[in-house]
């Protein structure tokens, strides 16, 4: 339990062991936290629960402040089980509590739990006085479910932002100044990329709506990770930048190789980029974290994919990356492809097709090397790297 300000407490749970989220869709290499918040006034308010398995921690943390039976209002910001799994345990202890949800939350919570709780749907701009403090509600559909709801605590200027502005990061600290900033920044952009980037237009619209409300902000308290209090607008401004998808002038080379021929081509492409001053990162689809690769793609302007032809296709290790590229809806990027082949040679063409299917413009013809790249093939790879770099620089 941590007191954020007088009468406002973090009462959630930290999951140090979590390594996969959304099934096995998202890696969580630094664990996560499930953030629940308790507000004490004439009426007592709980914002969000925790997953099943952490309910005892939640109840113990609440009990360190008040008897859970004294909770008058539960703000259920989102029905996804990592936020609501312990809700039945909470409601058993305060069965008369109002459950505040967004209008769409009526359906999602009813379908998930089938309980006749005392639901109260709220719309953007509605307020609820709980004594000396006032709650203001802001609907946040598709950030990242249809039912997401933000809650703003007026006098304390705290935005409880549900799934926006968070990250999967387990720590003993609750605030950004108390954790490793490098890990925090990486996990924040990784969270945005792999969960929220497909919804970038809606996020940009919601940010504009929030800014237009002119709400003072002293803290942003998300559902996962740390609480932003040093300069809470920093994360809003960062989100705005990410939604614009104006990437750095850099490249990421993503490849896999069977007998190191495609690896040699990847290295030669990198040499060409280095010659003309384009920063790049090289990532192996077989050994590097898929979600980390996709995050690097968000941050880069150019994506260069490499694979040998395998069974008239590409190596299967690249398939999850290609699926992620299509689903995450990257914009304002250029691409190219390369690879070795032996007797059919479809690989490079298939990679180019996948780039185009992901709305990534193929600006440089691909390079194919039969069996193993020789000096001329590697020189063509260097030229490819320079060409991609040149197009990057032109688009600045």
Protein backbone atom coordinates (compact mmCIF):
# COMPACT_ATOMS: atom_id res chain seq x y z
CA UNK A 1 0.00 0.00 0.00
CA UNK A 2 1.30 3.46 -0.93
CA UNK A 3 -0.28 6.85 -0.22
CA UNK A 4 -0.25 9.02 -3.37
CA UNK A 5 -1.68 12.07 -1.65
CA UNK A 6 -3.90 12.59 1.38
CA UNK A 7 -6.76 10.10 1.21
CA UNK A 8 -5.62 8.45 -2.05
CA UNK A 9 -3.82 5.10 -1.98
CA UNK A 10 -2.30 2.56 -4.34
CA UNK A 11 -3.59 -0.82 -3.12
CA UNK A 12 -2.71 -3.06 -6.07
CA UNK A 13 -0.33 -5.98 -6.55
CA UNK A 14 3.08 -6.54 -8.15
CA UNK A 15 3.63 -9.60 -10.32
CA UNK A 16 7.39 -10.14 -10.42
CA UNK A 17 7.18 -13.52 -12.17
CA UNK A 18 4.97 -12.66 -15.16
CA UNK A 19 6.78 -13.23 -18.46
CA UNK A 20 3.88 -13.48 -20.93
CA UNK A 21 0.70 -11.40 -21.17
CA UNK A 22 -2.47 -11.70 -23.25
CA UNK A 23 -1.85 -15.43 -23.34
CA UNK A 24 1.52 -15.59 -25.08
CA UNK A 25 0.98 -12.54 -27.27
CA UNK A 26 3.13 -10.06 -25.35
CA UNK A 27 6.42 -10.61 -23.53
CA UNK A 28 6.73 -9.01 -20.10
CA UNK A 29 10.42 -9.38 -19.38
CA UNK A 30 10.25 -7.11 -16.33
CA UNK A 31 7.01 -8.42 -14.85
CA UNK A 32 4.09 -6.07 -14.24
CA UNK A 33 1.91 -4.44 -11.63
CA UNK A 34 -1.87 -4.46 -11.35
CA UNK A 35 -2.76 -1.03 -10.08
CA UNK A 36 -5.84 -0.53 -7.93
CA UNK A 37 -6.53 2.75 -6.19
CA UNK A 38 -8.51 3.60 -3.05
CA UNK A 39 -9.97 7.05 -2.37
CA UNK A 40 -11.17 7.87 1.14
CA UNK A 41 -13.79 10.59 1.63
CA UNK A 42 -17.37 10.67 2.88
CA UNK A 43 -17.78 7.86 0.37
CA UNK A 44 -14.97 5.37 -0.21
CA UNK A 45 -14.05 4.53 -3.80
CA UNK A 46 -12.06 1.63 -5.25
CA UNK A 47 -10.78 2.09 -8.80
CA UNK A 48 -10.17 -1.27 -10.49
CA UNK A 49 -9.42 -4.67 -9.03
CA UNK A 50 -6.60 -7.14 -9.80
CA UNK A 51 -6.48 -10.54 -11.54
CA UNK A 52 -7.65 -13.74 -9.93
CA UNK A 53 -4.77 -15.02 -7.82
CA UNK A 54 -3.93 -11.60 -6.40
CA UNK A 55 -7.22 -10.93 -4.64
CA UNK A 56 -5.75 -11.62 -1.18
CA UNK A 57 -3.07 -9.00 -1.74
CA UNK A 58 -5.68 -6.47 -2.84
CA UNK A 59 -7.93 -7.16 0.14
CA UNK A 60 -5.01 -7.00 2.56
CA UNK A 61 -3.86 -3.66 1.12
CA UNK A 62 -7.37 -2.22 1.34
CA UNK A 63 -7.70 -3.53 4.89
CA UNK A 64 -4.58 -1.61 5.87
CA UNK A 65 -6.62 1.55 5.21
CA UNK A 66 -10.30 0.66 5.77
CA UNK A 67 -12.61 -2.30 6.18
CA UNK A 68 -13.35 -3.44 2.57
CA UNK A 69 -17.01 -3.60 3.59
CA UNK A 70 -16.99 0.21 3.78
CA UNK A 71 -16.37 0.62 0.04
CA UNK A 72 -19.32 2.58 -1.38
CA UNK A 73 -18.28 2.83 -5.02
CA UNK A 74 -16.26 0.60 -7.33
CA UNK A 75 -15.10 2.27 -10.55
CA UNK A 76 -14.71 -0.67 -12.92
CA UNK A 77 -12.70 0.98 -15.67
CA UNK A 78 -12.32 -2.07 -17.89
CA UNK A 79 -13.65 -5.64 -17.87
CA UNK A 80 -10.45 -7.37 -19.01
CA UNK A 81 -9.55 -9.97 -16.35
CA UNK A 82 -6.25 -8.38 -15.36
CA UNK A 83 -8.30 -5.42 -14.05
CA UNK A 84 -11.42 -7.19 -12.86
CA UNK A 85 -10.63 -10.79 -11.93
CA UNK A 86 -10.89 -10.09 -8.19
CA UNK A 87 -14.09 -8.06 -8.54
CA UNK A 88 -16.39 -10.87 -7.30
CA UNK A 89 -14.29 -11.13 -4.11
CA UNK A 90 -14.58 -7.38 -3.57
CA UNK A 91 -18.31 -7.33 -4.22
CA UNK A 92 -18.87 -10.13 -1.70
CA UNK A 93 -17.46 -7.79 0.94
CA UNK A 94 -19.38 -4.68 -0.17
CA UNK A 95 -22.48 -6.04 -1.94
CA UNK A 96 -24.30 -2.72 -1.80
CA UNK A 97 -21.57 -0.76 -3.59
CA UNK A 98 -22.35 1.03 -6.83
CA UNK A 99 -20.31 -0.26 -9.77
CA UNK A 100 -19.52 2.62 -12.09
CA UNK A 101 -18.79 1.64 -15.69
CA UNK A 102 -18.81 3.24 -19.11
CA UNK A 103 -21.99 2.71 -21.16
CA UNK A 104 -20.29 -0.12 -23.01
CA UNK A 105 -19.13 -1.59 -19.72
CA UNK A 106 -22.66 -2.75 -18.96
CA UNK A 107 -22.28 -5.40 -21.66
CA UNK A 108 -18.65 -6.36 -21.05
CA UNK A 109 -19.01 -6.79 -17.29
CA UNK A 110 -22.34 -8.59 -17.62
CA UNK A 111 -20.87 -11.01 -20.14
CA UNK A 112 -17.76 -11.63 -18.05
CA UNK A 113 -19.42 -12.04 -14.67
CA UNK A 114 -23.19 -12.39 -15.08
CA UNK A 115 -23.76 -10.77 -11.69
CA UNK A 116 -26.70 -8.47 -10.77
CA UNK A 117 -24.41 -5.80 -9.36
CA UNK A 118 -25.66 -2.24 -8.96
CA UNK A 119 -24.22 -0.87 -12.21
CA UNK A 120 -24.21 2.85 -12.92
CA UNK A 121 -23.10 3.79 -16.46
CA UNK A 122 -21.46 7.21 -16.85
CA UNK A 123 -20.60 9.31 -19.88
CA UNK A 124 -17.82 11.79 -20.57
CA UNK A 125 -18.17 14.87 -18.42
CA UNK A 126 -20.38 13.32 -15.75
CA UNK A 127 -19.30 14.05 -12.19
CA UNK A 128 -19.82 12.32 -8.85
CA UNK A 129 -19.29 14.08 -5.53
CA UNK A 130 -17.95 11.73 -2.87
CA UNK A 131 -17.75 14.38 -0.15
CA UNK A 132 -14.94 16.92 -0.36
CA UNK A 133 -13.65 15.32 -3.55
CA UNK A 134 -15.32 15.09 -6.97
CA UNK A 135 -14.82 12.44 -9.65
CA UNK A 136 -15.12 13.35 -13.34
CA UNK A 137 -15.46 10.55 -15.89
CA UNK A 138 -14.07 10.40 -19.43
CA UNK A 139 -15.00 7.59 -21.80
CA UNK A 140 -11.96 6.15 -23.57
CA UNK A 141 -13.32 3.62 -26.07
CA UNK A 142 -10.70 1.39 -27.74
CA UNK A 143 -7.89 2.39 -25.39
CA UNK A 144 -7.73 -0.52 -25.73
CA UNK A 145 -11.19 -2.12 -25.25
CA UNK A 146 -14.57 -0.59 -26.10
CA UNK A 147 -15.40 -0.16 -22.40
CA UNK A 148 -12.34 1.73 -21.10
CA UNK A 149 -13.08 4.58 -18.72
CA UNK A 150 -10.81 7.29 -17.32
CA UNK A 151 -11.51 8.83 -13.91
CA UNK A 152 -10.27 12.28 -12.92
CA UNK A 153 -10.07 13.27 -9.25
CA UNK A 154 -10.72 16.99 -9.40
CA UNK A 155 -9.11 18.66 -6.37
CA UNK A 156 -6.09 16.35 -6.37
CA UNK A 157 -5.68 16.61 -10.17
CA UNK A 158 -5.05 12.88 -10.61
CA UNK A 159 -6.03 11.12 -13.83
CA UNK A 160 -6.67 7.39 -13.36
CA UNK A 161 -6.02 6.41 -16.97
CA UNK A 162 -6.84 2.69 -17.12
CA UNK A 163 -4.80 1.06 -19.92
CA UNK A 164 -3.39 4.30 -21.33
CA UNK A 165 0.05 5.65 -20.35
CA UNK A 166 1.17 2.47 -18.55
CA UNK A 167 3.76 -0.24 -19.04
CA UNK A 168 4.50 -3.74 -17.80
CA UNK A 169 7.13 -3.12 -15.15
CA UNK A 170 7.32 -4.74 -11.70
CA UNK A 171 9.14 -2.57 -9.19
CA UNK A 172 9.32 -1.63 -5.54
CA UNK A 173 8.85 2.02 -6.54
CA UNK A 174 5.47 3.45 -7.47
CA UNK A 175 6.69 6.64 -9.18
CA UNK A 176 8.97 7.32 -12.16
CA UNK A 177 11.77 8.80 -10.05
CA UNK A 178 12.00 5.55 -8.06
CA UNK A 179 12.75 3.15 -10.93
CA UNK A 180 15.33 2.57 -13.64
CA UNK A 181 14.53 5.19 -16.27
CA UNK A 182 15.97 3.19 -19.16
CA UNK A 183 13.78 0.18 -18.40
CA UNK A 184 10.78 2.44 -17.80
CA UNK A 185 11.11 4.23 -21.15
CA UNK A 186 11.61 0.99 -23.06
CA UNK A 187 8.70 -0.81 -21.44
CA UNK A 188 6.46 2.21 -22.02
CA UNK A 189 7.11 2.39 -25.77
CA UNK A 190 6.92 -1.41 -26.01
CA UNK A 191 3.51 -1.36 -24.30
CA UNK A 192 2.31 1.39 -26.63
CA UNK A 193 3.61 -0.34 -29.76
CA UNK A 194 2.26 -3.81 -29.13
CA UNK A 195 -1.09 -2.91 -27.55
CA UNK A 196 -2.12 0.58 -28.61
CA UNK A 197 -0.46 1.52 -31.91
CA UNK A 198 -3.25 -0.02 -34.07
CA UNK A 199 -5.57 2.47 -32.36
CA UNK A 200 -3.34 5.53 -32.94
CA UNK A 201 -6.04 7.73 -34.60
CA UNK A 202 -8.43 7.19 -31.68
CA UNK A 203 -5.66 7.83 -29.16
CA UNK A 204 -4.73 11.10 -30.88
CA UNK A 205 -8.38 12.17 -30.83
CA UNK A 206 -8.71 11.30 -27.13
CA UNK A 207 -5.52 13.22 -26.27
CA UNK A 208 -6.90 16.30 -28.07
CA UNK A 209 -10.18 15.91 -26.17
CA UNK A 210 -8.36 15.70 -22.85
CA UNK A 211 -6.17 18.72 -23.63
CA UNK A 212 -9.27 20.70 -24.59
CA UNK A 213 -10.81 19.92 -21.20
CA UNK A 214 -7.93 21.92 -19.69
CA UNK A 215 -7.75 19.69 -16.64
CA UNK A 216 -4.83 20.43 -14.30
CA UNK A 217 -2.63 17.36 -13.93
CA UNK A 218 -0.48 16.51 -10.94
CA UNK A 219 -0.38 12.76 -11.53
CA UNK A 220 -1.34 10.16 -14.11
CA UNK A 221 -2.09 6.82 -12.48
CA UNK A 222 -2.39 4.00 -15.05
CA UNK A 223 -3.58 0.42 -14.55
CA UNK A 224 -0.09 -1.05 -15.03
CA UNK A 225 3.37 0.11 -14.05
CA UNK A 226 4.49 3.36 -12.47
CA UNK A 227 2.57 6.54 -11.65
CA UNK A 228 3.68 9.70 -13.48
CA UNK A 229 3.99 12.64 -11.06
CA UNK A 230 7.21 14.56 -11.81
CA UNK A 231 5.86 15.94 -15.07
CA UNK A 232 2.74 14.02 -16.07
CA UNK A 233 2.39 15.82 -19.42
CA UNK A 234 5.62 14.13 -20.53
CA UNK A 235 3.86 10.85 -21.21
CA UNK A 236 0.89 12.53 -22.92
CA UNK A 237 3.27 14.39 -25.23
CA UNK A 238 5.19 11.19 -25.91
CA UNK A 239 1.97 9.39 -26.84
CA UNK A 240 1.07 12.23 -29.20
CA UNK A 241 4.45 11.83 -30.91
CA UNK A 242 4.03 8.07 -31.25
CA UNK A 243 0.54 8.43 -32.73
CA UNK A 244 1.98 10.67 -35.44
CA UNK A 245 4.42 7.86 -36.34
CA UNK A 246 7.12 10.27 -37.41
CA UNK A 247 10.01 7.91 -36.81
CA UNK A 248 13.68 8.58 -36.32
CA UNK A 249 15.87 8.50 -39.42
CA UNK A 250 17.16 5.01 -38.69
CA UNK A 251 16.68 1.43 -39.83
CA UNK A 252 16.08 -2.00 -38.38
CA UNK A 253 17.31 -5.10 -40.19
CA UNK A 254 15.33 -8.20 -39.26
CA UNK A 255 16.47 -11.55 -40.58
CA UNK A 256 16.99 -15.25 -39.98
CA UNK A 257 19.55 -17.51 -41.60
CA UNK A 258 20.05 -21.27 -42.03
CA UNK A 259 23.72 -21.50 -42.97
CA UNK A 260 24.80 -17.89 -42.31
CA UNK A 261 24.53 -16.71 -45.93
CA UNK A 262 21.58 -14.42 -45.20
CA UNK A 263 23.40 -13.21 -42.08
CA UNK A 264 26.37 -12.15 -44.20
CA UNK A 265 23.99 -10.23 -46.46
CA UNK A 266 22.42 -8.50 -43.44
CA UNK A 267 25.84 -7.44 -42.21
CA UNK A 268 26.77 -6.08 -45.64
CA UNK A 269 23.55 -4.04 -45.76
CA UNK A 270 24.49 -2.63 -42.37
CA UNK A 271 27.94 -1.74 -43.69
CA UNK A 272 26.35 0.23 -46.51
CA UNK A 273 24.16 2.13 -44.07
CA UNK A 274 27.13 2.89 -41.84
CA UNK A 275 29.12 4.26 -44.79
CA UNK A 276 26.53 6.96 -45.34
CA UNK A 277 25.72 7.60 -41.67
CA UNK A 278 22.38 5.87 -41.16
CA UNK A 279 22.00 4.35 -37.67
CA UNK A 280 20.54 0.86 -37.64
CA UNK A 281 19.82 -2.10 -35.42
CA UNK A 282 20.13 -5.71 -36.51
CA UNK A 283 17.75 -8.26 -35.02
CA UNK A 284 17.49 -12.02 -35.48
CA UNK A 285 13.89 -13.19 -35.75
CA UNK A 286 14.83 -16.58 -34.30
CA UNK A 287 16.50 -15.34 -31.12
CA UNK A 288 15.32 -11.79 -30.45
CA UNK A 289 12.05 -11.05 -28.69
CA UNK A 290 9.26 -10.57 -31.25
CA UNK A 291 7.68 -7.70 -29.30
CA UNK A 292 11.06 -5.99 -28.99
CA UNK A 293 11.53 -6.31 -32.76
CA UNK A 294 8.12 -4.73 -33.41
CA UNK A 295 8.97 -1.91 -31.00
CA UNK A 296 12.19 -1.19 -32.87
CA UNK A 297 10.17 -1.12 -36.10
CA UNK A 298 7.89 1.57 -34.63
CA UNK A 299 10.92 3.67 -33.75
CA UNK A 300 12.70 3.27 -37.11
CA UNK A 301 11.87 4.72 -40.50
CA UNK A 302 13.20 1.83 -42.58
CA UNK A 303 12.53 -1.91 -42.23
CA UNK A 304 14.77 -4.35 -44.10
CA UNK A 305 13.73 -8.01 -43.99
CA UNK A 306 15.90 -11.01 -44.83
CA UNK A 307 15.33 -14.75 -45.16
CA UNK A 308 16.53 -17.63 -47.27
CA UNK A 309 13.85 -19.26 -49.39
CA UNK A 310 12.53 -22.24 -47.44
CA UNK A 311 9.90 -24.66 -48.77
CA UNK A 312 9.05 -22.08 -51.45
CA UNK A 313 8.45 -19.54 -48.70
CA UNK A 314 10.41 -17.94 -45.88
CA UNK A 315 11.74 -19.23 -42.60
CA UNK A 316 8.81 -19.61 -40.17
CA UNK A 317 10.61 -17.59 -37.49
CA UNK A 318 9.79 -14.43 -39.44
CA UNK A 319 6.07 -15.18 -39.68
CA UNK A 320 5.13 -13.80 -36.21
CA UNK A 321 6.97 -10.57 -37.00
CA UNK A 322 5.17 -10.22 -40.34
CA UNK A 323 1.81 -10.89 -38.69
CA UNK A 324 2.60 -8.28 -36.06
CA UNK A 325 3.61 -5.72 -38.70
CA UNK A 326 0.27 -6.06 -40.44
CA UNK A 327 -1.78 -5.89 -37.27
CA UNK A 328 0.04 -2.97 -35.66
CA UNK A 329 -0.65 -0.65 -38.62
CA UNK A 330 2.69 1.09 -38.91
CA UNK A 331 2.82 4.23 -41.06
CA UNK A 332 5.37 6.45 -42.80
CA UNK A 333 7.91 3.66 -43.29
CA UNK A 334 9.98 2.35 -46.17
CA UNK A 335 11.26 -1.17 -46.69
CA UNK A 336 13.40 -3.60 -48.65
CA UNK A 337 14.16 -7.33 -48.66
CA UNK A 338 17.05 -9.72 -49.23
CA UNK A 339 17.96 -13.37 -48.91
CA UNK A 340 19.66 -16.46 -50.25
CA UNK A 341 18.06 -19.21 -52.32
CA UNK A 342 18.93 -22.54 -53.87
CA UNK A 343 16.39 -23.80 -56.40
CA UNK A 344 13.15 -21.81 -56.31
CA UNK A 345 13.86 -18.35 -54.89
CA UNK A 346 10.46 -17.00 -53.81
CA UNK A 347 11.62 -15.70 -50.42
CA UNK A 348 12.58 -12.11 -51.29
CA UNK A 349 9.42 -11.54 -53.31
CA UNK A 350 7.28 -12.86 -50.47
CA UNK A 351 8.99 -10.53 -48.00
CA UNK A 352 8.31 -7.60 -50.32
CA UNK A 353 4.67 -8.64 -50.58
CA UNK A 354 4.44 -8.67 -46.80
CA UNK A 355 5.99 -5.22 -46.57
CA UNK A 356 3.40 -3.85 -49.01
CA UNK A 357 0.59 -5.65 -47.17
CA UNK A 358 1.77 -3.81 -44.04
CA UNK A 359 1.54 -0.46 -45.87
CA UNK A 360 5.34 -0.17 -45.95
CA UNK A 361 6.62 1.25 -49.23
CA UNK A 362 9.26 -0.91 -50.94
CA UNK A 363 11.65 1.73 -52.26
CA UNK A 364 14.66 -0.40 -53.25
CA UNK A 365 14.67 -3.64 -55.30
CA UNK A 366 15.52 -6.70 -53.24
CA UNK A 367 18.81 -8.58 -53.42
CA UNK A 368 18.90 -12.37 -53.98
CA UNK A 369 22.04 -14.48 -53.71
CA UNK A 370 22.10 -18.05 -55.01
CA UNK A 371 23.39 -20.61 -52.52
CA UNK A 372 25.89 -18.39 -50.74
CA UNK A 373 26.62 -14.69 -51.27
CA UNK A 374 29.82 -13.92 -53.12
CA UNK A 375 31.70 -10.61 -53.28
CA UNK A 376 29.39 -9.21 -55.98
CA UNK A 377 26.27 -10.17 -53.99
CA UNK A 378 27.64 -8.55 -50.84
CA UNK A 379 28.45 -5.39 -52.78
CA UNK A 380 24.85 -5.31 -54.00
CA UNK A 381 23.80 -5.57 -50.36
CA UNK A 382 25.97 -2.58 -49.45
CA UNK A 383 24.37 -0.65 -52.31
CA UNK A 384 20.93 -1.65 -50.99
CA UNK A 385 21.88 -0.33 -47.56
CA UNK A 386 23.03 2.98 -49.05
CA UNK A 387 19.89 3.26 -51.16
CA UNK A 388 17.61 2.70 -48.18
CA UNK A 389 19.61 5.28 -46.24
CA UNK A 390 19.32 7.80 -49.05
CA UNK A 391 15.56 7.44 -49.15
CA UNK A 392 15.42 7.82 -45.35
CA UNK A 393 17.36 11.07 -45.53
CA UNK A 394 15.13 12.40 -48.34
CA UNK A 395 12.02 11.81 -46.22
CA UNK A 396 13.33 13.83 -43.26
